[in-house]
N, C-alpha and C. Protein backbone atom coordinates (compact mmCIF):
# COMPACT_ATOMS: atom_id res chain seq x y z
N MET A 1 86.57 94.72 188.30
CA MET A 1 87.35 94.47 186.79
C MET A 1 88.27 96.05 187.24
N ALA A 2 89.56 95.85 186.54
CA ALA A 2 90.46 96.80 186.65
C ALA A 2 89.76 98.17 185.07
N LYS A 3 89.93 99.18 185.56
CA LYS A 3 90.07 99.82 184.24
C LYS A 3 90.77 100.30 183.67
N GLU A 4 90.88 100.12 182.66
CA GLU A 4 91.59 101.07 181.48
C GLU A 4 92.50 101.36 181.53
N ARG A 5 93.62 101.93 181.18
CA ARG A 5 94.44 103.29 181.30
C ARG A 5 94.30 103.85 179.99
N PHE A 6 94.66 105.03 179.71
CA PHE A 6 95.06 105.50 178.50
C PHE A 6 96.56 105.91 178.67
N LYS A 7 96.89 104.90 177.70
CA LYS A 7 98.46 104.96 177.34
C LYS A 7 99.21 106.27 176.78
N TRP A 8 98.75 106.48 175.80
CA TRP A 8 98.70 107.59 175.04
C TRP A 8 99.76 108.94 175.48
N GLY A 9 101.23 109.41 174.91
CA GLY A 9 101.39 110.79 175.24
C GLY A 9 100.65 111.76 174.56
N VAL A 10 100.51 112.74 175.70
CA VAL A 10 100.00 113.85 175.35
C VAL A 10 100.73 114.85 174.55
N ARG A 11 100.54 115.92 174.07
CA ARG A 11 101.56 116.85 173.87
C ARG A 11 101.63 118.21 174.68
N TRP A 12 102.36 118.77 174.88
CA TRP A 12 102.80 120.13 175.73
C TRP A 12 101.55 121.34 175.57
N GLY A 13 101.10 121.77 176.52
CA GLY A 13 100.74 123.00 176.43
C GLY A 13 99.43 122.69 176.21
N MET A 14 98.60 121.58 177.21
CA MET A 14 97.38 121.58 177.52
C MET A 14 96.85 122.39 178.70
N ALA A 15 95.59 122.84 178.58
CA ALA A 15 95.00 123.35 179.40
C ALA A 15 93.95 122.64 180.56
N THR A 16 94.16 123.13 182.06
CA THR A 16 92.87 122.06 182.50
C THR A 16 91.83 123.04 183.09
N GLU A 17 90.52 122.17 183.27
CA GLU A 17 89.95 123.30 184.12
C GLU A 17 89.23 122.98 184.90
N THR A 18 89.10 123.59 186.29
CA THR A 18 88.95 122.70 187.67
C THR A 18 87.79 123.79 187.89
N GLU A 19 86.19 123.60 188.06
CA GLU A 19 85.06 124.34 188.48
C GLU A 19 84.57 123.51 189.62
N PRO A 20 84.99 123.66 190.62
CA PRO A 20 83.84 123.48 191.95
C PRO A 20 82.52 123.64 191.49
N LYS A 21 81.95 122.41 192.52
CA LYS A 21 79.98 122.61 192.16
C LYS A 21 80.16 122.66 193.11
N ILE A 22 79.04 124.14 192.89
CA ILE A 22 78.47 124.62 194.67
C ILE A 22 76.90 125.03 194.28
N LYS A 23 75.75 124.88 195.40
CA LYS A 23 75.12 125.09 195.76
C LYS A 23 74.89 126.40 196.11
N GLU A 24 73.89 127.90 195.64
CA GLU A 24 74.34 128.99 196.46
C GLU A 24 72.57 129.95 196.60
N ILE A 25 72.52 129.97 197.74
CA ILE A 25 71.06 130.23 197.90
C ILE A 25 71.08 131.82 198.28
N LYS A 26 70.59 132.81 197.35
CA LYS A 26 70.52 134.27 197.77
C LYS A 26 69.30 134.40 198.76
N PHE A 27 69.77 135.43 199.52
CA PHE A 27 68.46 136.38 200.53
C PHE A 27 68.65 137.32 199.95
N GLY A 28 67.98 138.40 201.06
CA GLY A 28 67.71 140.01 200.57
C GLY A 28 69.36 140.38 200.69
N ASN A 29 69.20 141.91 200.45
CA ASN A 29 70.25 142.40 200.60
C ASN A 29 72.23 142.22 200.10
N GLY A 30 71.58 141.57 198.93
CA GLY A 30 72.71 140.89 198.63
C GLY A 30 73.49 139.64 199.49
N TYR A 31 72.77 139.04 200.30
CA TYR A 31 73.04 138.19 201.11
C TYR A 31 73.15 137.18 200.61
N SER A 32 74.31 135.94 200.64
CA SER A 32 74.01 134.57 199.92
C SER A 32 74.55 133.92 200.73
N GLN A 33 74.53 132.31 200.72
CA GLN A 33 75.24 131.39 201.34
C GLN A 33 75.39 130.03 200.44
N ARG A 34 76.35 129.88 200.44
CA ARG A 34 76.91 128.55 199.64
C ARG A 34 77.27 127.25 200.27
N MET A 35 77.60 126.43 199.61
CA MET A 35 78.09 124.70 199.82
C MET A 35 78.23 124.23 198.88
N GLN A 36 79.00 122.99 198.81
CA GLN A 36 79.76 122.11 198.02
C GLN A 36 78.22 120.94 197.50
N ASP A 37 78.57 120.89 196.45
CA ASP A 37 77.15 120.22 195.98
C ASP A 37 77.32 118.48 195.74
N GLY A 38 76.95 117.59 196.19
CA GLY A 38 77.73 116.42 196.45
C GLY A 38 79.47 116.05 197.20
N ILE A 39 79.65 115.00 197.31
CA ILE A 39 81.12 114.30 198.08
C ILE A 39 81.95 114.62 196.83
N ASN A 40 81.80 114.71 195.65
CA ASN A 40 82.96 114.53 194.98
C ASN A 40 82.38 116.29 193.91
N HIS A 41 82.59 117.34 194.71
CA HIS A 41 82.32 118.93 193.85
C HIS A 41 83.52 119.25 192.84
N VAL A 42 84.50 118.91 192.77
CA VAL A 42 85.24 119.25 192.15
C VAL A 42 86.09 118.07 191.50
N ALA A 43 85.65 118.46 190.24
CA ALA A 43 85.54 117.56 188.91
C ALA A 43 87.07 118.66 187.78
N ILE A 44 87.89 117.59 187.09
CA ILE A 44 88.67 118.07 186.41
C ILE A 44 88.23 117.64 185.09
N LYS A 45 88.70 119.15 184.30
CA LYS A 45 88.18 118.83 182.37
C LYS A 45 89.47 119.09 181.71
N ALA A 46 89.64 118.81 180.79
CA ALA A 46 90.76 118.94 179.83
C ALA A 46 90.90 117.84 178.58
N THR A 47 91.35 118.78 177.40
CA THR A 47 91.81 118.81 176.13
C THR A 47 93.24 118.38 175.84
N PRO A 48 93.44 116.91 176.12
CA PRO A 48 94.65 117.07 175.65
C PRO A 48 94.83 116.33 174.10
N THR A 49 96.30 116.37 173.52
CA THR A 49 95.87 116.20 171.93
C THR A 49 96.91 115.22 171.77
N VAL A 50 96.62 114.00 170.80
CA VAL A 50 97.97 113.27 170.90
C VAL A 50 98.32 113.24 169.29
N ARG A 51 99.39 113.22 169.38
CA ARG A 51 100.13 113.49 167.71
C ARG A 51 100.36 111.92 167.50
N LEU A 52 99.89 111.61 166.40
CA LEU A 52 100.51 110.46 166.24
C LEU A 52 101.10 110.17 164.80
N SER A 53 101.82 109.57 163.91
CA SER A 53 102.46 109.61 163.10
C SER A 53 101.26 109.06 161.96
N LYS A 54 101.60 109.30 160.85
CA LYS A 54 100.05 108.71 159.58
C LYS A 54 100.89 107.11 159.27
N ARG A 55 101.94 106.89 159.05
CA ARG A 55 103.12 106.08 159.29
C ARG A 55 102.89 104.66 160.29
N ASP A 56 102.61 105.28 161.18
CA ASP A 56 102.15 104.38 162.34
C ASP A 56 100.69 103.95 162.27
N LYS A 57 100.03 102.96 161.27
CA LYS A 57 98.70 102.84 161.21
C LYS A 57 98.39 101.67 162.76
N SER A 58 99.18 100.72 162.99
CA SER A 58 98.44 100.43 164.08
C SER A 58 98.54 101.14 165.13
N ALA A 59 98.49 102.49 165.67
CA ALA A 59 99.05 103.11 166.59
C ALA A 59 97.83 104.01 166.72
N ILE A 60 97.38 104.37 165.41
CA ILE A 60 96.15 105.10 164.92
C ILE A 60 94.77 104.09 165.18
N ASN A 61 95.54 103.04 164.95
CA ASN A 61 94.05 101.83 164.80
C ASN A 61 94.09 101.57 166.18
N GLU A 62 94.65 101.62 167.24
CA GLU A 62 94.16 100.77 168.52
C GLU A 62 94.13 102.30 169.00
N LEU A 63 94.13 103.56 168.74
CA LEU A 63 93.62 104.97 170.05
C LEU A 63 91.79 104.70 169.57
N GLU A 64 91.62 105.34 167.95
CA GLU A 64 90.31 104.66 167.65
C GLU A 64 89.72 103.40 168.25
N ALA A 65 90.53 102.64 168.59
CA ALA A 65 89.48 101.20 168.91
C ALA A 65 89.23 101.49 170.74
N PHE A 66 90.37 101.91 170.80
CA PHE A 66 90.15 102.46 172.41
C PHE A 66 88.77 103.39 172.70
N LEU A 67 88.71 104.41 171.93
CA LEU A 67 87.48 105.66 172.08
C LEU A 67 86.69 105.14 171.46
N VAL A 68 86.41 104.06 170.50
CA VAL A 68 85.08 103.76 170.36
C VAL A 68 84.63 102.40 171.23
N ARG A 69 85.62 101.74 171.88
CA ARG A 69 85.66 100.44 172.64
C ARG A 69 84.77 101.02 174.44
N HIS A 70 84.73 102.37 174.16
CA HIS A 70 84.56 103.13 175.65
C HIS A 70 83.39 104.42 175.25
N GLY A 71 83.08 104.45 173.86
CA GLY A 71 81.75 105.14 173.61
C GLY A 71 81.13 106.30 173.77
N GLY A 72 82.09 107.09 174.94
CA GLY A 72 81.53 108.35 175.27
C GLY A 72 80.61 108.13 176.45
N TYR A 73 80.68 106.98 177.04
CA TYR A 73 80.00 106.86 178.34
C TYR A 73 81.18 105.84 179.40
N LYS A 74 81.99 104.62 179.12
CA LYS A 74 82.54 104.33 179.97
C LYS A 74 83.79 104.73 180.28
N SER A 75 83.89 105.02 181.67
CA SER A 75 85.50 105.72 182.37
C SER A 75 86.67 104.89 182.01
N PHE A 76 87.75 104.77 182.26
CA PHE A 76 89.01 105.36 182.03
C PHE A 76 90.25 105.46 182.67
N GLU A 77 91.07 105.02 183.27
CA GLU A 77 92.09 106.02 183.78
C GLU A 77 93.02 107.07 183.15
N TRP A 78 93.21 107.75 183.49
CA TRP A 78 94.40 108.60 183.24
C TRP A 78 95.36 109.28 184.00
N LEU A 79 96.58 109.22 183.79
CA LEU A 79 97.42 109.88 184.28
C LEU A 79 97.59 110.99 184.30
N GLN A 80 97.33 112.03 184.43
CA GLN A 80 97.80 113.58 183.89
C GLN A 80 99.34 114.21 184.15
N PRO A 81 99.75 114.41 183.07
CA PRO A 81 101.22 114.70 182.94
C PRO A 81 101.28 115.47 184.40
N GLY A 82 102.43 115.73 184.90
CA GLY A 82 102.75 116.16 186.16
C GLY A 82 102.36 115.44 187.04
N LYS A 83 101.51 114.49 187.22
CA LYS A 83 100.40 114.22 188.74
C LYS A 83 101.02 112.27 188.80
N THR A 84 101.02 111.84 189.87
CA THR A 84 101.34 111.09 190.36
C THR A 84 99.90 109.67 190.44
N THR A 85 99.18 110.29 190.67
CA THR A 85 97.40 109.41 190.37
C THR A 85 96.35 109.75 189.31
N PRO A 86 96.36 108.16 188.93
CA PRO A 86 95.46 108.66 188.18
C PRO A 86 93.98 108.47 187.99
N ILE A 87 93.35 109.52 187.21
CA ILE A 87 91.62 110.10 187.50
C ILE A 87 90.99 108.78 186.59
N LEU A 88 89.76 108.75 186.47
CA LEU A 88 88.54 108.24 186.25
C LEU A 88 87.91 109.19 184.94
N VAL A 89 88.00 109.22 183.65
CA VAL A 89 87.45 109.89 182.63
C VAL A 89 86.72 109.45 181.68
N ILE A 90 86.38 110.07 181.43
CA ILE A 90 85.43 109.70 179.91
C ILE A 90 85.51 110.75 179.22
N CYS A 91 85.56 110.18 177.10
CA CYS A 91 85.73 111.05 176.35
C CYS A 91 84.40 110.91 175.71
N ARG A 92 83.68 112.00 175.56
CA ARG A 92 82.11 112.16 175.61
C ARG A 92 82.22 112.04 173.33
N LYS A 93 83.33 112.36 173.00
CA LYS A 93 83.42 113.05 171.58
C LYS A 93 85.32 113.43 171.09
N TRP A 94 85.42 113.12 169.97
CA TRP A 94 86.71 113.39 169.23
C TRP A 94 86.99 113.76 168.50
N THR A 95 87.82 114.69 168.06
CA THR A 95 88.17 115.31 166.57
C THR A 95 89.94 114.69 166.46
N SER A 96 89.84 114.45 164.94
CA SER A 96 90.95 114.02 164.59
C SER A 96 91.74 114.76 163.49
N THR A 97 92.13 115.62 163.02
CA THR A 97 92.72 116.43 161.99
C THR A 97 93.85 115.85 161.75
N ASP A 98 93.60 115.75 159.86
CA ASP A 98 94.66 115.00 159.02
C ASP A 98 96.05 116.49 158.99
N ASN A 99 96.98 116.12 159.59
CA ASN A 99 98.40 117.41 159.22
C ASN A 99 99.60 116.84 158.55
N GLY A 100 99.20 116.03 157.58
CA GLY A 100 99.82 115.60 156.38
C GLY A 100 100.79 114.41 156.59
N VAL A 101 101.83 114.77 157.74
CA VAL A 101 102.51 113.87 158.29
C VAL A 101 102.06 112.90 159.49
N TYR A 102 101.15 114.19 160.52
CA TYR A 102 100.65 113.41 161.50
C TYR A 102 98.96 113.46 161.30
N VAL A 103 98.83 112.95 162.41
CA VAL A 103 97.33 113.19 162.64
C VAL A 103 97.37 113.40 164.27
N ASP A 104 96.48 114.68 164.62
CA ASP A 104 96.39 115.36 165.78
C ASP A 104 95.01 114.65 166.28
N TYR A 105 94.90 114.14 167.74
CA TYR A 105 93.58 113.81 168.23
C TYR A 105 93.18 114.81 169.35
N GLU A 106 92.37 115.50 169.41
CA GLU A 106 91.64 116.37 170.25
C GLU A 106 90.77 115.65 171.03
N LEU A 107 90.98 115.09 172.73
CA LEU A 107 90.32 114.67 173.11
C LEU A 107 89.77 115.10 174.70
N PRO A 108 88.61 116.09 174.65
CA PRO A 108 88.10 116.35 175.77
C PRO A 108 87.75 115.47 177.00
N PHE A 109 88.38 115.42 177.62
CA PHE A 109 88.11 114.33 178.86
C PHE A 109 88.04 115.21 180.15
N GLU A 110 86.85 114.55 180.84
CA GLU A 110 85.46 114.88 181.87
C GLU A 110 85.84 114.08 182.97
N GLN A 111 86.50 114.40 184.35
CA GLN A 111 86.78 113.70 185.15
C GLN A 111 85.25 112.69 185.98
N VAL A 112 85.59 111.84 186.09
CA VAL A 112 83.67 111.10 186.76
C VAL A 112 84.01 110.45 188.04
N PHE A 113 83.19 110.04 188.71
CA PHE A 113 83.41 109.72 189.78
C PHE A 113 82.50 108.44 189.84
N ASN A 114 83.18 107.17 189.65
CA ASN A 114 82.24 106.18 189.63
C ASN A 114 82.01 105.49 191.49
């Protein structure tokens, strides 16, 4: 079954965090040995912001339904800005902020490998 794709545009200025997962064994005299931890040891974390007009109730409802449907544990495809290949991510929680005319959604995405 194909994964759903996150289709909403994100605001500029999004930071992306990449932290390779490694194992380290420490020996005496400051000597240590490191190796990758697992097959997919480099994962991306990002917190995109989606801004929707409060007048567009259907877009707000569609985004919220998408997030609730995935429930913080089901992965979905996301195409990062400027990239050509989608990645699988989950969104464990999200925050919405009412800015009068707009609603901003902060969506912490974590790359997963299913």
